[in-house]
Amino acid sequence: MKRFLVVPLVLVLSLSLSGCAALQTRLAGTGRPTVITTLFPQYDFVRAIAGDKVQVSLLLPPGVESHAFEPTPRDIANIHRADVFIYTSKYMEPWAPRVIKALQGRPVVVVDASHGIELEAQEKHEDPYEWVGAFDLVPGYYQLVFSRVDGKYADPTMPIVFMQSAYSKQDALDAAKLDAKGLFEQATPTLLQHGGTISPRAGIYTLEFDQNRNDSIFSIRIETAGTYVLVTGHLPSEFEAGRHFFRDAQDRDVVSVVEYPDHKDGDPDHKHAHGKDPHIWLDPVFAKQMVDNIVAGLAQADPNNAAFYRQNGDAYKAKLQALHEQFASFLATIENRTILYAGHFAFGHFARRYSLEHKSPYVGFSPTAEPTPRRIAELIENVRKTGSQVIYHEALVEPRVARIISEATGARMLLLHGAHNVSRDDLRGGATYLSIMEGNLARLREGLR
């Protein structure tokens, strides 16, 4: 089987003659390559592939939830001193590209473990709106100004929802997208013409633009300071003719604190929650490709032991294949194919591999995100409707929502471990990627009967 260089575009070490010499000098000094991995699966894969021929360390401290992690200056310094740096992808570690850029010219082999894997977009909905923005507003009067562009309005009318949120920033945005979708699809809109007033308590409006005016203006009165969310059927920029559409009483721009889609940042993938699903390791078939990538990186850094790494990599992939076959064999026989999960659902690739469905009250993977009461109520109703005896929850995060659902329905709480990290006790107890996934299989057998 042909082995390939891990990531031509991300493998910043082009290993010029001077780079090769520098790397070999470092290996001669330590005797073993030093390897730094970002997540537990890669760490465990390296242990299985390389054994004691490398010094491997896990960047993520035991027990820490991975999505909120940012490397410290000491972590970055350690990466600069390493021989191999293995990360998942720019979608899982959005800080990695800037660290990798700083490695230019250093003899560090950088392995993108997702190389060769087609990442799926995170859960996508056909939404009836095109734009959502969250604004921090103080009491006062505001205006929405929609203008002709190139002599005409982008559309004669536009549906909008304007409402106060109990959340802030990204959480407000996520909650509004769910609530607004229901309003757009089910509620009867109030028709509002030029000069009309929008209330945050009135639900959905249809704005009718005055075809005899260059600008159609709608007023907003805010009585209580807080976060407010505007949801529109078109991008507001389609109605901007030289000035921002949201104005305060002094005719100043009112800018969102966060918006979707986000056009403020030049990098569309800068937010984990809005890019591709990075949780590739939970699919055992993708895990085999990760092993190939890691083997190639280790062989690049330490060619004297390349054959050893390849042999062990092949042996470990056989174990991953056996794991995949166990999942496939069991999951092919069940009628209940929906995982009811009270956490941030990271098993998207896993669910697609085995044709499973899932329901979760969370949107995205931010560890600070909170589900809306409506979403929790929907999952409670789903548990009752299906007669499920189990509600699954995630690891390393307080299972508060799972506990609420369990108390409301009598369903037992079971862990479905995302394997991105382990607790300190689990690490000391010898936890491995395979043992975690085998535990998940046992709990799926218990909950999907």
Protein backbone atom coordinates (compact mmCIF):
# COMPACT_ATOMS: atom_id res chain seq x y z
CA MET A 1 0.00 0.00 0.00
CA LYS A 2 1.42 3.34 -0.99
CA ARG A 3 2.14 5.79 1.84
CA PHE A 4 1.72 9.46 1.22
CA LEU A 5 2.84 12.73 2.71
CA VAL A 6 0.20 13.83 5.14
CA VAL A 7 -0.93 17.27 3.99
CA PRO A 8 1.00 19.02 1.25
CA LEU A 9 -0.53 22.42 2.01
CA VAL A 10 -0.42 22.15 5.78
CA LEU A 11 2.78 20.26 6.21
CA VAL A 12 4.75 23.43 6.79
CA LEU A 13 7.96 21.52 7.07
CA SER A 14 9.15 21.30 3.49
CA LEU A 15 12.27 19.68 4.88
CA SER A 16 14.93 21.42 2.95
CA LEU A 17 18.44 20.08 3.42
CA SER A 18 18.93 22.44 6.32
CA GLY A 19 15.57 21.40 7.84
CA CYS A 20 16.45 17.72 7.56
CA ALA A 21 19.78 18.36 9.20
CA ALA A 22 18.15 20.30 12.02
CA LEU A 23 15.63 17.54 12.64
CA GLN A 24 18.25 14.79 12.63
CA THR A 25 20.36 16.83 15.07
CA ARG A 26 17.42 17.08 17.44
CA LEU A 27 16.68 13.36 17.19
CA ALA A 28 20.31 12.57 17.89
CA GLY A 29 20.13 14.73 21.02
CA THR A 30 16.98 13.22 22.51
CA GLY A 31 17.09 9.73 21.06
CA ARG A 32 13.32 9.79 20.41
CA PRO A 33 11.08 12.17 18.48
CA THR A 34 8.79 14.34 20.61
CA VAL A 35 5.17 14.28 19.44
CA ILE A 36 2.42 16.67 20.57
CA THR A 37 -1.23 15.84 19.86
CA THR A 38 -4.24 18.07 20.41
CA LEU A 39 -6.90 15.48 21.31
CA PHE A 40 -7.02 12.15 23.07
CA PRO A 41 -7.76 9.96 20.00
CA GLN A 42 -4.59 11.10 18.20
CA TYR A 43 -2.63 10.73 21.44
CA ASP A 44 -3.88 7.17 21.86
CA PHE A 45 -3.29 6.34 18.20
CA VAL A 46 0.34 7.46 18.52
CA ARG A 47 0.77 5.31 21.64
CA ALA A 48 -0.50 2.28 19.71
CA ILE A 49 1.55 2.99 16.58
CA ALA A 50 4.86 4.17 18.04
CA GLY A 51 5.05 2.63 21.50
CA ASP A 52 8.19 3.76 23.32
CA LYS A 53 9.94 4.95 20.16
CA VAL A 54 8.51 8.47 20.63
CA GLN A 55 7.78 10.81 23.51
CA VAL A 56 4.11 11.69 23.04
CA SER A 57 2.14 14.25 25.01
CA LEU A 58 -1.47 15.42 24.95
CA LEU A 59 -1.89 19.18 24.63
CA LEU A 60 -5.39 19.12 26.06
CA PRO A 61 -5.24 18.78 29.87
CA PRO A 62 -7.16 15.79 31.27
CA GLY A 63 -10.81 16.57 31.97
CA VAL A 64 -10.91 19.74 29.87
CA GLU A 65 -13.71 20.13 27.31
CA SER A 66 -11.98 20.46 23.96
CA HIS A 67 -14.19 23.02 22.22
CA ALA A 68 -13.29 25.81 24.64
CA PHE A 69 -9.56 25.05 24.70
CA GLU A 70 -6.97 27.61 23.62
CA PRO A 71 -3.24 26.82 23.88
CA THR A 72 -1.20 28.78 26.39
CA PRO A 73 2.08 30.50 25.47
CA ARG A 74 3.86 27.54 27.07
CA ASP A 75 1.87 25.13 24.91
CA ILE A 76 2.85 27.03 21.78
CA ALA A 77 6.50 27.07 22.84
CA ASN A 78 6.34 23.29 23.32
CA ILE A 79 4.88 22.86 19.84
CA HIS A 80 7.78 24.89 18.44
CA ARG A 81 10.22 22.53 20.16
CA ALA A 82 8.43 19.34 19.06
CA ASP A 83 9.40 17.09 16.18
CA VAL A 84 5.80 16.26 15.25
CA PHE A 85 2.60 18.22 15.85
CA ILE A 86 -0.68 16.36 15.21
CA TYR A 87 -3.99 18.20 15.16
CA THR A 88 -7.50 17.25 14.01
CA SER A 89 -8.35 20.01 11.54
CA LYS A 90 -8.82 23.77 11.37
CA TYR A 91 -12.50 23.17 12.16
CA MET A 92 -11.77 21.42 15.45
CA GLU A 93 -8.79 23.58 16.43
CA PRO A 94 -9.47 27.02 14.86
CA TRP A 95 -6.32 28.33 16.55
CA ALA A 96 -4.09 25.80 14.73
CA PRO A 97 -3.56 27.71 11.44
CA ARG A 98 -1.94 30.66 13.18
CA VAL A 99 0.30 28.34 15.23
CA ILE A 100 1.27 26.44 12.08
CA LYS A 101 2.03 29.68 10.24
CA ALA A 102 4.45 30.60 13.02
CA LEU A 103 6.25 27.27 12.49
CA GLN A 104 7.46 28.25 9.02
CA GLY A 105 11.15 27.42 8.73
CA ARG A 106 11.19 25.19 11.83
CA PRO A 107 11.88 21.45 11.54
CA VAL A 108 8.44 20.39 12.78
CA VAL A 109 6.33 17.84 10.90
CA VAL A 110 2.71 19.03 11.05
CA VAL A 111 0.03 16.39 10.58
CA ASP A 112 -3.56 17.33 9.73
CA ALA A 113 -5.24 14.12 10.85
CA SER A 114 -8.29 14.86 8.69
CA HIS A 115 -6.30 14.83 5.43
CA GLY A 116 -8.08 12.71 2.83
CA ILE A 117 -11.39 12.72 4.75
CA GLU A 118 -14.33 14.59 3.27
CA LEU A 119 -15.79 16.54 6.16
CA GLU A 120 -19.55 16.94 6.16
CA ALA A 121 -21.15 20.29 6.82
CA GLN A 122 -22.61 20.48 10.28
CA GLU A 123 -26.31 19.86 10.56
CA LYS A 124 -28.01 21.97 7.96
CA HIS A 125 -31.59 23.19 7.77
CA GLU A 126 -33.55 24.66 4.89
CA ASP A 127 -34.30 27.92 6.63
CA PRO A 128 -37.04 30.34 5.57
CA TYR A 129 -34.82 33.32 6.45
CA GLU A 130 -31.50 34.54 5.10
CA TRP A 131 -30.02 36.62 7.91
CA VAL A 132 -30.03 36.80 11.71
CA GLY A 133 -28.35 39.47 13.83
CA ALA A 134 -28.12 39.98 17.60
CA PHE A 135 -27.91 43.55 18.93
CA ASP A 136 -27.25 44.95 22.40
CA LEU A 137 -29.73 47.83 22.66
CA VAL A 138 -30.48 50.47 25.28
CA PRO A 139 -33.87 52.18 25.72
CA GLY A 140 -34.65 54.63 22.95
CA TYR A 141 -35.85 54.96 19.39
CA TYR A 142 -34.32 53.20 16.40
CA GLN A 143 -35.02 52.91 12.69
CA LEU A 144 -34.71 50.23 10.06
CA VAL A 145 -34.02 51.90 6.72
CA PHE A 146 -34.46 49.79 3.59
CA SER A 147 -33.45 51.50 0.34
CA ARG A 148 -33.69 51.14 -3.39
CA VAL A 149 -30.46 49.80 -4.88
CA ASP A 150 -29.86 50.48 -8.57
CA GLY A 151 -33.31 52.03 -8.80
CA LYS A 152 -35.36 49.25 -7.20
CA TYR A 153 -35.98 47.34 -3.98
CA ALA A 154 -34.55 43.84 -3.84
CA ASP A 155 -38.12 42.62 -3.24
CA PRO A 156 -41.46 44.47 -2.83
CA THR A 157 -41.93 42.89 0.62
CA MET A 158 -39.83 41.09 3.23
CA PRO A 159 -40.75 38.99 6.26
CA ILE A 160 -38.92 39.84 9.50
CA VAL A 161 -38.99 38.84 13.15
CA PHE A 162 -37.75 41.20 15.86
CA MET A 163 -37.68 39.97 19.45
CA GLN A 164 -35.90 40.31 22.75
CA SER A 165 -33.71 37.38 23.78
CA ALA A 166 -33.06 35.85 27.17
CA TYR A 167 -29.58 34.98 25.92
CA SER A 168 -26.59 36.91 24.63
CA LYS A 169 -24.30 36.83 21.61
CA GLN A 170 -24.01 33.43 19.92
CA ASP A 171 -26.52 31.79 22.25
CA ALA A 172 -29.10 34.46 21.38
CA LEU A 173 -28.43 33.87 17.69
CA ASP A 174 -28.83 30.10 17.97
CA ALA A 175 -32.07 30.38 19.97
CA ALA A 176 -33.51 32.96 17.57
CA LYS A 177 -32.85 30.79 14.52
CA LEU A 178 -35.00 28.05 16.02
CA ASP A 179 -37.80 30.30 17.28
CA ALA A 180 -37.92 32.39 14.11
CA LYS A 181 -38.14 29.30 11.92
CA GLY A 182 -41.38 28.34 13.65
CA LEU A 183 -42.77 31.88 13.30
CA PHE A 184 -41.82 32.12 9.63
CA GLU A 185 -43.45 28.80 8.84
CA GLN A 186 -46.54 28.89 11.07
CA ALA A 187 -47.48 32.37 12.30
CA THR A 188 -49.67 34.85 10.43
CA PRO A 189 -47.58 37.98 9.77
CA THR A 190 -48.63 41.55 10.50
CA LEU A 191 -48.43 43.75 7.39
CA LEU A 192 -46.44 46.92 8.03
CA GLN A 193 -45.93 49.82 5.63
CA HIS A 194 -43.46 52.73 5.50
CA GLY A 195 -43.63 54.71 8.76
CA GLY A 196 -44.95 51.80 10.81
CA THR A 197 -43.60 50.72 14.21
CA ILE A 198 -42.09 47.33 14.97
CA SER A 199 -42.66 45.82 18.42
CA PRO A 200 -40.38 43.13 19.87
CA ARG A 201 -43.50 41.43 21.23
CA ALA A 202 -45.56 41.19 18.05
CA GLY A 203 -43.97 38.16 16.35
CA ILE A 204 -43.55 38.20 12.60
CA TYR A 205 -44.08 41.12 10.22
CA THR A 206 -44.24 41.47 6.47
CA LEU A 207 -42.63 44.79 5.59
CA GLU A 208 -44.11 46.40 2.48
CA PHE A 209 -41.71 48.80 0.79
CA ASP A 210 -43.03 52.07 -0.63
CA GLN A 211 -42.34 51.95 -4.37
CA ASN A 212 -42.70 55.76 -4.58
CA ARG A 213 -39.85 56.37 -2.13
CA ASN A 214 -36.14 55.71 -2.27
CA ASP A 215 -36.20 54.69 1.41
CA SER A 216 -38.82 52.79 3.39
CA ILE A 217 -38.37 53.49 7.09
CA PHE A 218 -39.74 51.53 10.04
CA SER A 219 -39.46 52.59 13.68
CA ILE A 220 -38.52 50.55 16.74
CA ARG A 221 -39.02 51.64 20.34
CA ILE A 222 -36.91 49.86 22.95
CA GLU A 223 -38.12 50.17 26.54
CA THR A 224 -35.82 47.66 28.23
CA ALA A 225 -32.07 47.32 27.73
CA GLY A 226 -30.93 43.92 26.57
CA THR A 227 -30.12 41.67 23.64
CA TYR A 228 -32.52 41.84 20.71
CA VAL A 229 -32.51 39.66 17.61
CA LEU A 230 -33.56 40.63 14.09
CA VAL A 231 -34.35 37.88 11.59
CA THR A 232 -34.89 38.86 7.94
CA GLY A 233 -36.08 37.11 4.81
CA HIS A 234 -33.33 38.77 2.74
CA LEU A 235 -29.81 39.92 3.50
CA PRO A 236 -30.15 43.52 4.78
CA SER A 237 -27.17 44.47 2.62
CA GLU A 238 -29.44 43.99 -0.41
CA PHE A 239 -31.33 47.10 0.75
CA GLU A 240 -28.36 49.30 1.69
CA ALA A 241 -27.63 52.23 -0.62
CA GLY A 242 -24.59 53.91 0.88
CA ARG A 243 -25.42 53.57 4.57
CA HIS A 244 -26.12 50.91 7.19
CA PHE A 245 -29.75 49.81 7.45
CA PHE A 246 -30.04 49.91 11.29
CA ARG A 247 -29.87 53.45 12.77
CA ASP A 248 -30.25 54.96 16.24
CA ALA A 249 -31.99 58.23 17.15
CA GLN A 250 -28.79 60.18 16.35
CA ASP A 251 -28.64 58.53 12.89
CA ARG A 252 -25.61 56.43 13.87
CA ASP A 253 -24.98 52.87 12.73
CA VAL A 254 -26.28 50.15 15.04
CA VAL A 255 -24.03 47.15 14.44
CA SER A 256 -24.77 43.56 15.44
CA VAL A 257 -22.63 41.92 18.11
CA VAL A 258 -22.90 38.66 16.17
CA GLU A 259 -24.69 37.68 12.97
CA TYR A 260 -25.42 34.78 10.66
CA PRO A 261 -24.15 34.40 8.02
CA ASP A 262 -21.11 36.21 9.40
CA HIS A 263 -19.62 38.60 6.83
CA LYS A 264 -17.51 40.53 9.34
CA ASP A 265 -14.63 38.07 9.36
CA GLY A 266 -12.61 37.31 6.25
CA ASP A 267 -12.26 33.68 7.27
CA PRO A 268 -15.59 31.90 6.88
CA ASP A 269 -14.32 28.97 8.91
CA HIS A 270 -13.12 30.94 11.93
CA LYS A 271 -15.93 29.65 14.10
CA HIS A 272 -16.03 25.97 14.82
CA ALA A 273 -19.80 26.05 15.09
CA HIS A 274 -20.37 27.27 11.57
CA GLY A 275 -17.91 25.17 9.59
CA LYS A 276 -17.55 21.47 8.92
CA ASP A 277 -18.24 18.73 11.43
CA PRO A 278 -14.75 17.93 12.79
CA HIS A 279 -15.61 14.91 14.96
CA ILE A 280 -14.16 12.42 12.51
CA TRP A 281 -12.60 10.09 15.10
CA LEU A 282 -16.04 8.86 16.21
CA ASP A 283 -16.39 7.08 12.88
CA PRO A 284 -14.06 4.03 13.08
CA VAL A 285 -13.63 4.04 9.29
CA PHE A 286 -12.41 7.65 9.37
CA ALA A 287 -10.22 6.74 12.35
CA LYS A 288 -8.37 4.32 10.05
CA GLN A 289 -7.56 7.19 7.70
CA MET A 290 -6.37 9.25 10.67
CA VAL A 291 -4.01 6.40 11.56
CA ASP A 292 -2.60 6.41 8.01
CA ASN A 293 -1.97 10.15 8.28
CA ILE A 294 -0.24 9.77 11.62
CA VAL A 295 1.91 6.89 10.39
CA ALA A 296 3.01 9.01 7.42
CA GLY A 297 3.93 11.90 9.71
CA LEU A 298 5.90 9.71 12.11
CA ALA A 299 7.74 8.05 9.20
CA GLN A 300 8.58 11.51 7.84
CA ALA A 301 10.04 12.61 11.16
CA ASP A 302 11.76 9.33 12.00
CA PRO A 303 12.52 7.36 8.81
CA ASN A 304 14.73 4.87 10.65
CA ASN A 305 11.60 3.47 12.35
CA ALA A 306 9.18 3.93 9.44
CA ALA A 307 8.68 0.19 8.92
CA PHE A 308 7.87 -0.25 12.63
CA TYR A 309 5.25 2.53 12.50
CA ARG A 310 3.66 1.09 9.37
CA GLN A 311 3.47 -2.42 10.79
CA ASN A 312 1.88 -1.22 14.03
CA GLY A 313 -0.42 1.11 12.12
CA ASP A 314 -1.70 -1.79 10.03
CA ALA A 315 -2.28 -3.88 13.17
CA TYR A 316 -4.19 -1.05 14.83
CA LYS A 317 -6.31 -0.46 11.72
CA ALA A 318 -7.35 -4.10 11.89
CA LYS A 319 -8.69 -3.42 15.40
CA LEU A 320 -10.55 -0.35 14.11
CA GLN A 321 -12.04 -2.44 11.32
CA ALA A 322 -13.22 -5.00 13.88
CA LEU A 323 -14.77 -2.17 15.92
CA HIS A 324 -16.56 -0.85 12.83
CA GLU A 325 -17.92 -4.32 12.07
CA GLN A 326 -19.25 -4.67 15.62
CA PHE A 327 -21.12 -1.36 15.34
CA ALA A 328 -22.40 -2.17 11.85
CA SER A 329 -23.57 -5.66 12.84
CA PHE A 330 -25.55 -4.45 15.85
CA LEU A 331 -26.95 -1.25 14.35
CA ALA A 332 -28.17 -3.05 11.23
CA THR A 333 -30.58 -5.09 13.37
CA ILE A 334 -32.38 -2.39 15.38
CA GLU A 335 -35.70 -0.68 14.62
CA ASN A 336 -35.18 2.27 16.96
CA ARG A 337 -32.63 4.31 14.98
CA THR A 338 -32.85 7.64 16.82
CA ILE A 339 -30.33 8.65 19.48
CA LEU A 340 -31.97 10.98 22.02
CA TYR A 341 -29.04 13.05 23.22
CA ALA A 342 -29.22 15.78 25.83
CA GLY A 343 -25.83 17.28 24.98
CA HIS A 344 -23.97 18.87 22.08
CA PHE A 345 -24.26 16.11 19.49
CA ALA A 346 -20.78 15.26 18.19
CA PHE A 347 -21.74 11.96 16.56
CA GLY A 348 -22.74 13.32 13.15
CA HIS A 349 -20.19 11.31 11.16
CA PHE A 350 -20.92 8.24 13.29
CA ALA A 351 -24.67 8.60 12.70
CA ARG A 352 -24.20 8.97 8.94
CA ARG A 353 -21.93 5.92 8.81
CA TYR A 354 -24.59 3.71 10.42
CA SER A 355 -27.75 5.45 9.09
CA LEU A 356 -28.88 6.72 12.49
CA GLU A 357 -30.94 9.78 13.39
CA HIS A 358 -30.51 11.97 16.44
CA LYS A 359 -32.34 14.61 18.43
CA SER A 360 -30.62 17.14 20.70
CA PRO A 361 -31.79 20.40 22.29
CA TYR A 362 -28.45 22.07 21.50
CA VAL A 363 -27.42 23.87 18.34
CA GLY A 364 -23.74 23.61 17.44
CA PHE A 365 -20.90 22.58 19.75
CA SER A 366 -20.06 25.66 21.81
CA PRO A 367 -19.63 24.51 25.44
CA THR A 368 -21.20 27.80 26.58
CA ALA A 369 -24.31 27.39 24.41
CA GLU A 370 -27.59 26.74 26.21
CA PRO A 371 -30.67 25.10 24.70
CA THR A 372 -33.92 27.03 24.73
CA PRO A 373 -36.73 25.84 27.05
CA ARG A 374 -38.71 25.06 23.91
CA ARG A 375 -36.02 22.69 22.61
CA ILE A 376 -35.80 20.93 25.98
CA ALA A 377 -39.60 20.56 26.05
CA GLU A 378 -39.53 19.10 22.54
CA LEU A 379 -36.99 16.47 23.58
CA ILE A 380 -39.02 15.62 26.70
CA GLU A 381 -42.06 15.15 24.50
CA ASN A 382 -40.04 12.99 22.12
CA VAL A 383 -38.85 10.75 24.97
CA ARG A 384 -42.45 10.33 26.14
CA LYS A 385 -43.80 9.77 22.64
CA THR A 386 -41.24 7.08 21.77
CA GLY A 387 -41.35 5.44 25.18
CA SER A 388 -37.56 5.62 25.36
CA GLN A 389 -36.08 4.36 28.61
CA VAL A 390 -32.74 6.13 28.05
CA ILE A 391 -31.50 9.68 27.55
CA TYR A 392 -27.86 9.96 26.53
CA HIS A 393 -25.48 12.68 27.73
CA GLU A 394 -21.96 13.82 26.89
CA ALA A 395 -18.71 13.46 28.82
CA LEU A 396 -16.79 16.11 30.78
CA VAL A 397 -19.79 18.48 30.87
CA GLU A 398 -22.30 18.71 33.73
CA PRO A 399 -25.35 16.77 32.40
CA ARG A 400 -27.84 19.35 33.63
CA VAL A 401 -30.21 19.07 30.67
CA ALA A 402 -30.11 15.27 30.73
CA ARG A 403 -31.00 15.37 34.41
CA ILE A 404 -33.99 17.66 33.71
CA ILE A 405 -35.24 15.28 31.00
CA SER A 406 -34.61 12.23 33.16
CA GLU A 407 -36.58 13.69 36.07
CA ALA A 408 -39.44 14.68 33.76
CA THR A 409 -39.70 11.34 31.96
CA GLY A 410 -38.15 8.66 34.14
CA ALA A 411 -35.61 7.86 31.42
CA ARG A 412 -32.24 6.65 32.67
CA MET A 413 -29.18 8.76 31.94
CA LEU A 414 -26.45 6.98 29.97
CA LEU A 415 -23.10 8.34 28.84
CA LEU A 416 -22.30 8.42 25.14
CA HIS A 417 -18.64 9.41 25.23
CA GLY A 418 -17.28 11.76 22.55
CA ALA A 419 -13.72 10.45 23.18
CA HIS A 420 -12.15 13.84 22.50
CA ASN A 421 -10.66 13.82 25.99
CA VAL A 422 -10.72 11.80 29.19
CA SER A 423 -10.68 12.59 32.88
CA ARG A 424 -7.50 12.35 34.90
CA ASP A 425 -8.81 9.21 36.61
CA ASP A 426 -9.67 7.60 33.27
CA LEU A 427 -6.21 8.41 31.94
CA ARG A 428 -4.57 6.86 35.00
CA GLY A 429 -6.91 3.87 34.72
CA GLY A 430 -5.66 3.05 31.24
CA ALA A 431 -8.56 4.33 29.12
CA THR A 432 -8.04 3.96 25.39
CA TYR A 433 -9.94 5.05 22.30
CA LEU A 434 -11.00 1.44 21.74
CA SER A 435 -12.22 0.98 25.32
CA ILE A 436 -14.25 4.21 25.11
CA MET A 437 -15.87 3.21 21.82
CA GLU A 438 -16.57 -0.31 23.07
CA GLY A 439 -18.27 1.30 26.07
CA ASN A 440 -20.37 3.40 23.70
CA LEU A 441 -21.37 0.26 21.83
CA ALA A 442 -22.49 -1.42 25.06
CA ARG A 443 -24.59 1.61 26.04
CA LEU A 444 -26.13 1.86 22.58
CA ARG A 445 -27.11 -1.80 22.89
CA GLU A 446 -28.79 -0.87 26.18
CA GLY A 447 -30.59 2.24 24.92
CA LEU A 448 -31.57 1.37 21.34
CA ARG A 449 -33.17 -1.99 22.04
